[in-house]
Structure formats: structure tokens, C-alpha cells
Amino acid sequence: MLVEKAYLYIVLTRTNTMISRLIHLFTRDEYTHAALSLDKDLQEMYSFARKYTHNPFIGRFKHEHLEEGIYKQAKHLPGVVLEVEVPRENYAEARELVEQFIANRSRYKYNFRGLIYGLLNRPTTRDDRFLCSQFVYFVLYQSGIADFQTPANLVRPVDFLGLDAQIVYQGDLKELVVEQETNYPIRIRLYRWVRERLWSTKAS
């Protein structure tokens, strides 16, 4: 029987914030932040990050937008957008989990202890504290999409590059947001990027 497919999107970035620089200093990872989007336009994109743009010490679950907050402040935003094909049933489970976070957002806080423990390669467990990558992994794991066989707080953004996923965009994510001057949605810009990449590959 043919299984209906759906798609989740994982957005990996590296900003110039203090925490991002700290993580990069310890890990040398290309990407230091992860977010999960339920749609290709990246309008339903969620993660754990700072509550206030200029305050790195208060973090929470939040609805993220590439054209707002820390993303907006960055002059350059190196990143990658991964498209993960999943059975529709698993997609529905992932969406339900995210909706539970949305409904109970006041309960959850950023896992600063998990961050320090992660940099020291030490596992820690809290069901109300999450790192950005810990949240993305939690949703993928609980919905039966991925199992990295590692403590959740030790999962790093770059680990998602090992998923069976298609890179639908890689480069400066600010180019996806320059559309303050255009009406094209992100999905159209992603499509054009993939098309141009395929064309240049064939041409060479």
C-alpha cells in the first residue's frame, strides 16, 4: 500500500550572538542553532531561543521568523534548510507535539544547564527545559522520525545533517528574507535556488 508522504523542515543557522560564538568556540561546528518548521514557507518555524532580542539570559520556546529578532539583526546568516520526507502519520504526530508546546509555552524554559553540560559532553535530563537542537530532536524522536541513540541534550545542530534529508537551500539565509521588497513566498525562492543549482550543475 502506498504511504502518503509529508515534509518537515529543519533550519540550521549560525548567528553572531554570544551563545552562538561560545558554542562555536567549543565545538567548531558550522551551525549552532536549529529550528523546526512544519511548512516549506518557514512560517510555522519553532525553536528554543532568547525571549528578548537583546537579553541572552532569558530563553523560551518561541515561534521564529527569519525576518525578526536575532535573525533580522545579523548582517550575514549562514544556514541550511533541510527537507525531511516522512509518512503523513508521523508528520501528524510531530505537528501535535509542536502544538502541545504552543499550548503550554509558559511551562518551558531554555536549558542553560543542558547547554553547559552539553559543551562538557555530560548528559542531563529535564522535561521542561530544552536547547534548540534538543527540542527539534525531541519532536523527531517522539514522532518516530529519528533516533540518534544519544542523550537529547548532547544532540547538536550539525547532527541533523546526517538525516536522510534533501538540502533545499544552503548559503546566506538573509537572501531568503530580502523579500521585504518582493512578494514571492519563501517556497518560491527555495524552488528557484534548487532550479538554478541543478541548471549550473548540468551546465558544468
Protein backbone atom coordinates (compact mmCIF):
# COMPACT_ATOMS: atom_id res chain seq x y z
CA MET A 1 0.00 0.00 0.00
CA LEU A 2 1.33 3.44 -0.95
CA VAL A 3 2.13 5.55 2.13
CA GLU A 4 1.25 9.23 1.85
CA LYS A 5 4.23 11.49 2.43
CA ALA A 6 4.59 14.84 4.13
CA TYR A 7 7.55 17.11 4.83
CA LEU A 8 9.21 18.69 7.82
CA TYR A 9 11.92 21.34 7.51
CA ILE A 10 14.94 21.76 9.76
CA VAL A 11 16.66 25.14 9.63
CA LEU A 12 20.27 25.28 10.82
CA THR A 13 21.98 28.62 11.32
CA ARG A 14 24.94 30.30 12.98
CA THR A 15 24.44 33.83 14.22
CA ASN A 16 26.97 36.15 15.84
CA THR A 17 25.41 36.07 19.32
CA MET A 18 27.43 35.46 22.48
CA ILE A 19 25.98 31.96 22.97
CA SER A 20 26.48 31.06 19.32
CA ARG A 21 30.12 32.17 19.50
CA LEU A 22 30.59 30.18 22.73
CA ILE A 23 29.19 27.01 21.14
CA HIS A 24 31.31 27.53 18.03
CA LEU A 25 34.40 28.08 20.19
CA PHE A 26 33.92 24.73 21.93
CA THR A 27 32.62 22.64 19.03
CA ARG A 28 33.88 24.38 15.85
CA ASP A 29 30.50 23.40 14.38
CA GLU A 30 29.41 25.15 11.21
CA TYR A 31 25.89 25.64 12.60
CA THR A 32 24.96 26.41 16.20
CA HIS A 33 21.19 26.84 16.14
CA ALA A 34 18.37 24.57 14.98
CA ALA A 35 14.69 25.22 14.36
CA LEU A 36 11.86 23.01 13.14
CA SER A 37 9.35 24.19 10.55
CA LEU A 38 6.08 22.46 9.76
CA ASP A 39 5.84 24.10 6.35
CA LYS A 40 8.09 24.93 3.41
CA ASP A 41 7.47 28.66 3.70
CA LEU A 42 9.10 28.53 7.15
CA GLN A 43 6.14 30.40 8.59
CA GLU A 44 5.49 27.67 11.17
CA MET A 45 9.06 27.56 12.45
CA TYR A 46 9.70 26.87 16.14
CA SER A 47 12.65 26.51 18.46
CA PHE A 48 14.07 27.48 21.85
CA ALA A 49 15.93 30.76 21.88
CA ARG A 50 16.21 34.06 23.72
CA LYS A 51 12.91 35.65 24.71
CA TYR A 52 14.17 39.19 24.14
CA THR A 53 16.48 40.10 21.28
CA HIS A 54 18.97 41.97 23.46
CA ASN A 55 18.88 39.67 26.50
CA PRO A 56 20.76 36.35 26.13
CA PHE A 57 19.93 35.16 29.64
CA ILE A 58 16.19 34.56 29.31
CA GLY A 59 15.24 31.83 26.85
CA ARG A 60 11.99 30.13 25.97
CA PHE A 61 10.03 28.21 23.39
CA LYS A 62 9.16 30.57 20.57
CA HIS A 63 7.72 30.97 17.11
CA GLU A 64 10.66 32.12 14.99
CA HIS A 65 10.74 34.21 11.82
CA LEU A 66 13.80 34.76 9.66
CA GLU A 67 12.88 38.42 9.30
CA GLU A 68 12.70 39.12 13.05
CA GLY A 69 14.85 39.27 16.19
CA ILE A 70 18.40 37.95 16.10
CA TYR A 71 17.92 36.76 12.53
CA LYS A 72 17.00 40.28 11.44
CA GLN A 73 19.99 41.82 13.22
CA ALA A 74 22.52 39.52 11.57
CA LYS A 75 24.32 41.05 8.58
CA HIS A 76 25.00 37.56 7.29
CA LEU A 77 23.15 34.42 8.30
CA PRO A 78 24.93 31.26 7.15
CA GLY A 79 22.49 28.39 7.18
CA VAL A 80 20.91 25.39 5.55
CA VAL A 81 17.30 24.27 5.11
CA LEU A 82 16.76 20.51 5.22
CA GLU A 83 13.62 18.90 3.84
CA VAL A 84 12.76 15.64 5.61
CA GLU A 85 10.22 13.39 3.91
CA VAL A 86 8.11 11.49 6.44
CA PRO A 87 4.93 9.39 6.42
CA ARG A 88 1.89 11.59 6.89
CA GLU A 89 1.09 9.78 10.13
CA ASN A 90 4.47 10.74 11.61
CA TYR A 91 4.04 14.29 10.37
CA ALA A 92 0.70 14.47 12.19
CA GLU A 93 2.36 13.25 15.39
CA ALA A 94 5.13 15.85 15.04
CA ARG A 95 2.58 18.62 14.49
CA GLU A 96 0.60 17.52 17.53
CA LEU A 97 3.75 17.62 19.67
CA VAL A 98 4.57 21.13 18.48
CA GLU A 99 1.00 22.23 19.18
CA GLN A 100 1.39 20.91 22.73
CA PHE A 101 4.46 23.12 23.15
CA ILE A 102 2.48 26.08 21.79
CA ALA A 103 -0.44 25.44 24.15
CA ASN A 104 1.88 25.09 27.17
CA ARG A 105 4.59 27.55 26.17
CA SER A 106 4.73 29.18 29.61
CA ARG A 107 5.85 25.88 31.14
CA TYR A 108 9.04 25.58 29.11
CA LYS A 109 12.35 27.37 29.53
CA TYR A 110 15.72 27.36 27.81
CA ASN A 111 18.03 24.62 29.09
CA PHE A 112 21.09 26.65 30.13
CA ARG A 113 22.28 23.80 32.34
CA GLY A 114 21.91 21.42 29.41
CA LEU A 115 24.00 23.81 27.28
CA ILE A 116 26.91 23.79 29.74
CA TYR A 117 26.61 20.05 30.28
CA GLY A 118 26.49 19.53 26.52
CA LEU A 119 29.70 21.51 25.99
CA LEU A 120 31.28 19.23 28.63
CA ASN A 121 29.75 16.16 26.96
CA ARG A 122 27.68 15.33 30.04
CA PRO A 123 24.03 14.22 29.74
CA THR A 124 21.28 15.82 31.79
CA THR A 125 17.52 15.38 31.80
CA ARG A 126 14.69 17.87 32.36
CA ASP A 127 11.25 17.57 30.80
CA ASP A 128 10.60 21.32 30.97
CA ARG A 129 13.97 22.65 29.77
CA PHE A 130 15.16 22.44 26.16
CA LEU A 131 18.02 23.52 23.96
CA CYS A 132 17.17 24.41 20.36
CA SER A 133 18.55 21.14 18.95
CA GLN A 134 17.16 19.23 21.91
CA PHE A 135 13.66 20.45 21.05
CA VAL A 136 13.98 19.55 17.36
CA TYR A 137 15.31 16.12 18.25
CA PHE A 138 12.58 15.60 20.87
CA VAL A 139 9.87 16.15 18.25
CA LEU A 140 11.60 13.92 15.68
CA TYR A 141 12.24 11.16 18.22
CA GLN A 142 8.83 11.20 19.85
CA SER A 143 7.10 11.09 16.46
CA GLY A 144 9.21 8.13 15.32
CA ILE A 145 11.19 10.01 12.69
CA ALA A 146 14.75 9.89 14.06
CA ASP A 147 16.75 8.13 16.77
CA PHE A 148 20.34 9.29 17.24
CA GLN A 149 20.95 6.89 20.14
CA THR A 150 22.33 9.71 22.29
CA PRO A 151 21.10 11.82 25.23
CA ALA A 152 18.92 14.64 23.90
CA ASN A 153 20.98 17.49 25.38
CA LEU A 154 24.07 16.14 23.57
CA VAL A 155 22.42 16.40 20.15
CA ARG A 156 23.98 19.29 18.23
CA PRO A 157 22.50 21.20 15.27
CA VAL A 158 25.05 19.71 12.88
CA ASP A 159 23.87 16.20 13.81
CA PHE A 160 20.73 16.80 11.72
CA LEU A 161 22.92 16.95 8.63
CA GLY A 162 23.19 13.17 8.99
CA LEU A 163 19.46 12.67 8.45
CA ASP A 164 18.09 11.26 5.23
CA ALA A 165 17.09 14.70 4.03
CA GLN A 166 17.32 16.93 0.98
CA ILE A 167 19.12 20.26 1.18
CA VAL A 168 16.66 22.70 -0.35
CA TYR A 169 18.75 25.77 0.46
CA GLN A 170 22.29 26.44 1.68
CA GLY A 171 24.01 29.78 1.95
CA ASP A 172 23.15 33.18 3.37
CA LEU A 173 19.59 32.89 4.67
CA LYS A 174 19.33 36.68 4.54
CA GLU A 175 18.78 36.20 0.82
CA LEU A 176 15.52 34.44 1.63
CA VAL A 177 14.41 37.43 3.63
CA VAL A 178 15.41 40.20 1.27
CA GLU A 179 11.86 39.77 0.09
CA GLN A 180 10.81 42.80 2.07
CA GLU A 181 11.00 44.17 -1.48
CA THR A 182 9.23 41.34 -3.25
CA ASN A 183 6.05 39.36 -2.86
CA TYR A 184 7.47 35.92 -3.58
CA PRO A 185 6.98 33.47 -0.67
CA ILE A 186 9.95 31.50 0.63
CA ARG A 187 8.83 28.31 -1.11
CA ILE A 188 9.20 30.05 -4.50
CA ARG A 189 12.67 31.30 -3.58
CA LEU A 190 13.68 27.83 -2.42
CA TYR A 191 12.39 26.36 -5.68
CA ARG A 192 14.34 28.89 -7.73
CA TRP A 193 17.51 28.22 -5.74
CA VAL A 194 17.23 24.46 -6.34
CA ARG A 195 16.45 25.00 -10.05
CA GLU A 196 19.43 27.32 -10.53
CA ARG A 197 21.70 24.88 -8.70
CA LEU A 198 20.57 21.97 -10.89
CA TRP A 199 20.99 24.09 -14.04
CA SER A 200 24.53 25.14 -13.11
CA THR A 201 25.43 21.50 -12.37
CA LYS A 202 24.19 20.37 -15.79
CA ALA A 203 25.94 23.27 -17.50
CA SER A 204 29.26 22.29 -15.96
